[in-house]
Amino acid sequence: MTIVFLQQKNFQRSLLIAFIFIVIITLIIIWQSVFKKQTALPTETALIPEKEIKIDFNKLIGQDLTELVPFPEIEPFKEIPASTTETGEKIPGVSIGRENPFLPY
């Protein structure tokens, strides 16, 4: 029985050493990537020439845009009380809400 316990203890010890080794390597990589001084690029190579933007306004006057047809105007919704039909007739026995819900009681 003692041989089995010794083998298990040796296996756990080797796993602990491997785990510590992996943690140390991970910390070294993080240290190098985060805290390493970054070298600045020379300012001469970082200059980008400015580009000039030119807009051709003659395209806006062209025939393609003058042939466009505007959308028809959308009529606003008609206010119909809940107890009436579209023609204005009262529906018998239907009374949903008040005529104007924003009036005080």
N, C-alpha and C. Protein backbone atom coordinates (compact mmCIF):
# COMPACT_ATOMS: atom_id res chain seq x y z
N MET A 1 0.81 -1.19 0.00
CA MET A 1 0.00 0.00 0.00
C MET A 1 0.86 1.26 0.00
N THR A 2 1.94 1.27 0.67
CA THR A 2 2.76 2.46 0.73
C THR A 2 3.37 2.79 -0.61
N ILE A 3 3.57 1.80 -1.46
CA ILE A 3 4.13 2.06 -2.79
C ILE A 3 3.14 2.85 -3.63
N VAL A 4 1.87 2.51 -3.54
CA VAL A 4 0.82 3.21 -4.29
C VAL A 4 0.75 4.66 -3.83
N PHE A 5 0.79 4.90 -2.54
CA PHE A 5 0.72 6.27 -2.02
C PHE A 5 1.95 7.07 -2.45
N LEU A 6 3.13 6.45 -2.46
CA LEU A 6 4.34 7.16 -2.88
C LEU A 6 4.29 7.51 -4.36
N GLN A 7 3.75 6.62 -5.19
CA GLN A 7 3.65 6.91 -6.61
C GLN A 7 2.67 8.07 -6.85
N GLN A 8 1.57 8.07 -6.13
CA GLN A 8 0.59 9.14 -6.28
C GLN A 8 1.18 10.46 -5.80
N LYS A 9 1.94 10.44 -4.71
CA LYS A 9 2.55 11.66 -4.18
C LYS A 9 3.60 12.19 -5.15
N ASN A 10 4.38 11.31 -5.75
CA ASN A 10 5.39 11.75 -6.73
C ASN A 10 4.72 12.34 -7.97
N PHE A 11 3.61 11.73 -8.41
CA PHE A 11 2.87 12.24 -9.57
C PHE A 11 2.30 13.63 -9.28
N GLN A 12 1.74 13.82 -8.09
CA GLN A 12 1.21 15.13 -7.71
C GLN A 12 2.32 16.17 -7.62
N ARG A 13 3.48 15.79 -7.13
CA ARG A 13 4.61 16.70 -7.02
C ARG A 13 5.07 17.12 -8.42
N SER A 14 5.10 16.18 -9.36
CA SER A 14 5.52 16.53 -10.72
C SER A 14 4.47 17.44 -11.40
N LEU A 15 3.20 17.20 -11.12
CA LEU A 15 2.16 18.08 -11.65
C LEU A 15 2.27 19.48 -11.07
N LEU A 16 2.59 19.59 -9.79
CA LEU A 16 2.75 20.89 -9.14
C LEU A 16 3.93 21.64 -9.75
N ILE A 17 5.02 20.95 -10.01
CA ILE A 17 6.20 21.58 -10.62
C ILE A 17 5.86 22.05 -12.03
N ALA A 18 5.13 21.24 -12.79
CA ALA A 18 4.74 21.64 -14.15
C ALA A 18 3.82 22.86 -14.12
N PHE A 19 2.89 22.87 -13.17
CA PHE A 19 1.97 24.00 -13.05
C PHE A 19 2.72 25.29 -12.70
N ILE A 20 3.64 25.21 -11.77
CA ILE A 20 4.43 26.38 -11.39
C ILE A 20 5.27 26.87 -12.57
N PHE A 21 5.83 25.94 -13.33
CA PHE A 21 6.63 26.30 -14.50
C PHE A 21 5.76 27.02 -15.54
N ILE A 22 4.54 26.54 -15.78
CA ILE A 22 3.65 27.17 -16.74
C ILE A 22 3.24 28.56 -16.27
N VAL A 23 2.98 28.72 -14.98
CA VAL A 23 2.61 30.03 -14.44
C VAL A 23 3.77 31.01 -14.58
N ILE A 24 4.98 30.59 -14.31
CA ILE A 24 6.15 31.47 -14.43
C ILE A 24 6.35 31.90 -15.88
N ILE A 25 6.23 30.96 -16.82
CA ILE A 25 6.39 31.30 -18.24
C ILE A 25 5.30 32.28 -18.67
N THR A 26 4.06 32.08 -18.21
CA THR A 26 2.96 32.99 -18.55
C THR A 26 3.21 34.38 -18.00
N LEU A 27 3.68 34.47 -16.77
CA LEU A 27 3.98 35.78 -16.18
C LEU A 27 5.11 36.48 -16.92
N ILE A 28 6.11 35.75 -17.35
CA ILE A 28 7.21 36.36 -18.10
C ILE A 28 6.70 36.91 -19.43
N ILE A 29 5.85 36.16 -20.12
CA ILE A 29 5.31 36.63 -21.40
C ILE A 29 4.46 37.88 -21.20
N ILE A 30 3.62 37.88 -20.16
CA ILE A 30 2.79 39.06 -19.88
C ILE A 30 3.66 40.25 -19.51
N TRP A 31 4.69 40.04 -18.73
CA TRP A 31 5.59 41.11 -18.33
C TRP A 31 6.27 41.72 -19.55
N GLN A 32 6.73 40.88 -20.46
CA GLN A 32 7.42 41.38 -21.65
C GLN A 32 6.47 42.12 -22.58
N SER A 33 5.24 41.67 -22.70
CA SER A 33 4.32 42.31 -23.64
C SER A 33 3.70 43.59 -23.09
N VAL A 34 3.48 43.66 -21.79
CA VAL A 34 2.80 44.82 -21.22
C VAL A 34 3.79 45.91 -20.81
N PHE A 35 4.83 45.53 -20.11
CA PHE A 35 5.71 46.52 -19.52
C PHE A 35 6.95 46.82 -20.35
N LYS A 36 7.10 46.20 -21.49
CA LYS A 36 8.25 46.48 -22.34
C LYS A 36 8.09 47.86 -22.95
N LYS A 37 9.17 48.64 -22.99
CA LYS A 37 9.10 49.97 -23.56
C LYS A 37 8.86 49.87 -25.06
N GLN A 38 7.90 50.64 -25.52
CA GLN A 38 7.60 50.63 -26.94
C GLN A 38 8.48 51.66 -27.63
N THR A 39 9.05 51.27 -28.74
CA THR A 39 9.91 52.19 -29.48
C THR A 39 9.02 53.10 -30.32
N ALA A 40 9.30 54.39 -30.28
CA ALA A 40 8.52 55.36 -31.02
C ALA A 40 9.01 55.41 -32.45
N LEU A 41 8.08 55.55 -33.38
CA LEU A 41 8.44 55.66 -34.78
C LEU A 41 8.99 57.06 -35.04
N PRO A 42 9.94 57.16 -35.92
CA PRO A 42 10.43 58.50 -36.27
C PRO A 42 9.30 59.32 -36.87
N THR A 43 9.28 60.60 -36.54
CA THR A 43 8.20 61.46 -36.99
C THR A 43 8.24 61.70 -38.49
N GLU A 44 9.40 61.57 -39.11
CA GLU A 44 9.51 61.82 -40.55
C GLU A 44 8.73 60.78 -41.35
N THR A 45 8.76 59.54 -40.92
CA THR A 45 8.05 58.50 -41.67
C THR A 45 6.57 58.48 -41.34
N ALA A 46 6.16 59.10 -40.24
CA ALA A 46 4.76 59.08 -39.84
C ALA A 46 3.94 60.16 -40.53
N LEU A 47 4.58 61.09 -41.24
CA LEU A 47 3.84 62.16 -41.92
C LEU A 47 3.10 61.60 -43.12
N ILE A 48 1.82 61.95 -43.22
CA ILE A 48 1.00 61.52 -44.33
C ILE A 48 0.59 62.76 -45.10
N PRO A 49 0.80 62.76 -46.39
CA PRO A 49 0.42 63.96 -47.15
C PRO A 49 -1.09 64.16 -47.11
N GLU A 50 -1.50 65.42 -47.01
CA GLU A 50 -2.92 65.73 -46.96
C GLU A 50 -3.53 65.61 -48.35
N LYS A 51 -4.71 65.01 -48.41
CA LYS A 51 -5.40 64.85 -49.68
C LYS A 51 -6.46 65.93 -49.79
N GLU A 52 -6.60 66.49 -50.99
CA GLU A 52 -7.60 67.53 -51.22
C GLU A 52 -8.87 66.88 -51.74
N ILE A 53 -9.99 67.27 -51.17
CA ILE A 53 -11.28 66.72 -51.58
C ILE A 53 -11.92 67.69 -52.56
N LYS A 54 -12.27 67.17 -53.74
CA LYS A 54 -12.91 67.99 -54.76
C LYS A 54 -14.29 67.41 -55.03
N ILE A 55 -15.30 68.28 -54.97
CA ILE A 55 -16.68 67.87 -55.21
C ILE A 55 -17.14 68.48 -56.53
N ASP A 56 -17.67 67.64 -57.41
CA ASP A 56 -18.17 68.11 -58.70
C ASP A 56 -19.65 68.42 -58.55
N PHE A 57 -19.98 69.71 -58.38
CA PHE A 57 -21.37 70.12 -58.18
C PHE A 57 -22.18 70.06 -59.47
N ASN A 58 -21.53 69.94 -60.60
CA ASN A 58 -22.26 69.84 -61.87
C ASN A 58 -23.05 68.54 -61.95
N LYS A 59 -22.65 67.53 -61.22
CA LYS A 59 -23.39 66.27 -61.19
C LYS A 59 -24.76 66.45 -60.55
N LEU A 60 -24.88 67.41 -59.62
CA LEU A 60 -26.16 67.65 -58.96
C LEU A 60 -27.17 68.34 -59.89
N ILE A 61 -26.67 69.00 -60.93
CA ILE A 61 -27.55 69.71 -61.86
C ILE A 61 -27.90 68.81 -63.04
N GLY A 62 -27.28 67.68 -63.15
CA GLY A 62 -27.45 66.79 -64.30
C GLY A 62 -28.87 66.30 -64.49
N GLN A 63 -29.10 65.66 -65.64
CA GLN A 63 -30.42 65.21 -66.05
C GLN A 63 -30.94 64.09 -65.16
N ASP A 64 -30.06 63.28 -64.58
CA ASP A 64 -30.49 62.15 -63.76
C ASP A 64 -31.27 62.62 -62.54
N LEU A 65 -30.84 63.69 -61.91
CA LEU A 65 -31.51 64.17 -60.71
C LEU A 65 -32.75 65.00 -61.01
N THR A 66 -32.80 65.63 -62.18
CA THR A 66 -33.98 66.44 -62.50
C THR A 66 -35.16 65.56 -62.88
N GLU A 67 -34.94 64.32 -63.30
CA GLU A 67 -36.02 63.42 -63.68
C GLU A 67 -36.63 62.69 -62.48
N LEU A 68 -36.07 62.85 -61.32
CA LEU A 68 -36.60 62.17 -60.14
C LEU A 68 -37.96 62.73 -59.76
N VAL A 69 -38.84 61.85 -59.30
CA VAL A 69 -40.20 62.25 -58.91
C VAL A 69 -40.29 62.13 -57.40
N PRO A 70 -40.79 63.17 -56.72
CA PRO A 70 -40.89 63.08 -55.25
C PRO A 70 -42.01 62.13 -54.83
N PHE A 71 -41.90 61.62 -53.65
CA PHE A 71 -42.95 60.75 -53.11
C PHE A 71 -44.21 61.57 -52.88
N PRO A 72 -45.38 60.93 -53.00
CA PRO A 72 -46.62 61.67 -52.71
C PRO A 72 -46.70 62.00 -51.23
N GLU A 73 -47.38 63.10 -50.93
CA GLU A 73 -47.49 63.53 -49.54
C GLU A 73 -48.40 62.57 -48.77
N ILE A 74 -47.97 62.18 -47.60
CA ILE A 74 -48.74 61.26 -46.77
C ILE A 74 -49.70 62.05 -45.91
N GLU A 75 -50.98 61.68 -45.99
CA GLU A 75 -51.99 62.39 -45.21
C GLU A 75 -51.90 61.97 -43.75
N PRO A 76 -52.18 62.91 -42.84
CA PRO A 76 -52.16 62.53 -41.41
C PRO A 76 -53.34 61.63 -41.09
N PHE A 77 -53.21 60.86 -40.02
CA PHE A 77 -54.26 59.95 -39.60
C PHE A 77 -55.49 60.73 -39.14
N LYS A 78 -56.66 60.14 -39.40
CA LYS A 78 -57.90 60.75 -38.94
C LYS A 78 -58.15 60.29 -37.51
N GLU A 79 -58.62 61.21 -36.69
CA GLU A 79 -58.95 60.85 -35.31
C GLU A 79 -60.36 60.28 -35.29
N ILE A 80 -60.44 59.02 -34.93
CA ILE A 80 -61.73 58.35 -34.84
C ILE A 80 -61.86 57.82 -33.43
N PRO A 81 -62.90 58.22 -32.69
CA PRO A 81 -63.09 57.64 -31.36
C PRO A 81 -63.29 56.14 -31.47
N ALA A 82 -62.92 55.42 -30.44
CA ALA A 82 -62.98 53.97 -30.46
C ALA A 82 -64.39 53.44 -30.59
N SER A 83 -65.39 54.23 -30.22
CA SER A 83 -66.77 53.74 -30.25
C SER A 83 -67.49 54.16 -31.52
N THR A 84 -66.78 54.68 -32.54
CA THR A 84 -67.43 55.06 -33.79
C THR A 84 -66.72 54.37 -34.95
N THR A 85 -67.41 54.35 -36.10
CA THR A 85 -66.82 53.78 -37.32
C THR A 85 -66.15 54.90 -38.10
N GLU A 86 -65.59 54.55 -39.25
CA GLU A 86 -64.92 55.57 -40.06
C GLU A 86 -65.89 56.59 -40.64
N THR A 87 -67.13 56.18 -40.83
CA THR A 87 -68.13 57.12 -41.37
C THR A 87 -68.72 58.01 -40.29
N GLY A 88 -68.41 57.77 -39.02
CA GLY A 88 -68.89 58.61 -37.94
C GLY A 88 -70.08 58.04 -37.21
N GLU A 89 -70.54 56.87 -37.59
CA GLU A 89 -71.69 56.27 -36.92
C GLU A 89 -71.26 55.69 -35.58
N LYS A 90 -72.14 55.85 -34.59
CA LYS A 90 -71.86 55.28 -33.27
C LYS A 90 -72.14 53.78 -33.29
N ILE A 91 -71.27 53.02 -32.66
CA ILE A 91 -71.47 51.59 -32.55
C ILE A 91 -72.25 51.34 -31.27
N PRO A 92 -73.42 50.69 -31.36
CA PRO A 92 -74.22 50.49 -30.15
C PRO A 92 -73.56 49.50 -29.20
N GLY A 93 -73.54 49.86 -27.93
CA GLY A 93 -73.02 48.96 -26.90
C GLY A 93 -71.51 48.97 -26.76
N VAL A 94 -70.81 49.79 -27.53
CA VAL A 94 -69.35 49.83 -27.44
C VAL A 94 -68.93 51.14 -26.81
N SER A 95 -68.24 51.05 -25.73
CA SER A 95 -67.74 52.24 -25.06
C SER A 95 -66.34 51.92 -24.55
N ILE A 96 -65.35 52.28 -25.33
CA ILE A 96 -63.97 51.99 -24.96
C ILE A 96 -63.28 53.30 -24.62
N GLY A 97 -62.89 53.47 -23.39
CA GLY A 97 -62.15 54.64 -22.97
C GLY A 97 -62.98 55.91 -22.99
N ARG A 98 -62.31 57.03 -22.75
CA ARG A 98 -62.96 58.34 -22.76
C ARG A 98 -62.73 59.00 -24.11
N GLU A 99 -63.51 60.01 -24.41
CA GLU A 99 -63.33 60.74 -25.66
C GLU A 99 -61.95 61.39 -25.70
N ASN A 100 -61.58 62.09 -24.61
CA ASN A 100 -60.27 62.71 -24.52
C ASN A 100 -59.62 62.22 -23.23
N PRO A 101 -58.68 61.29 -23.28
CA PRO A 101 -58.11 60.73 -22.06
C PRO A 101 -57.22 61.70 -21.32
N PHE A 102 -56.89 62.84 -21.90
CA PHE A 102 -55.98 63.78 -21.24
C PHE A 102 -56.69 64.84 -20.42
N LEU A 103 -58.01 64.86 -20.49
CA LEU A 103 -58.76 65.80 -19.64
C LEU A 103 -58.75 65.31 -18.21
N PRO A 104 -58.65 66.24 -17.25
CA PRO A 104 -58.68 65.81 -15.85
C PRO A 104 -60.07 65.34 -15.46
N TYR A 105 -60.18 64.52 -14.42
CA TYR A 105 -61.45 64.00 -13.94
C TYR A 105 -62.22 65.06 -13.22
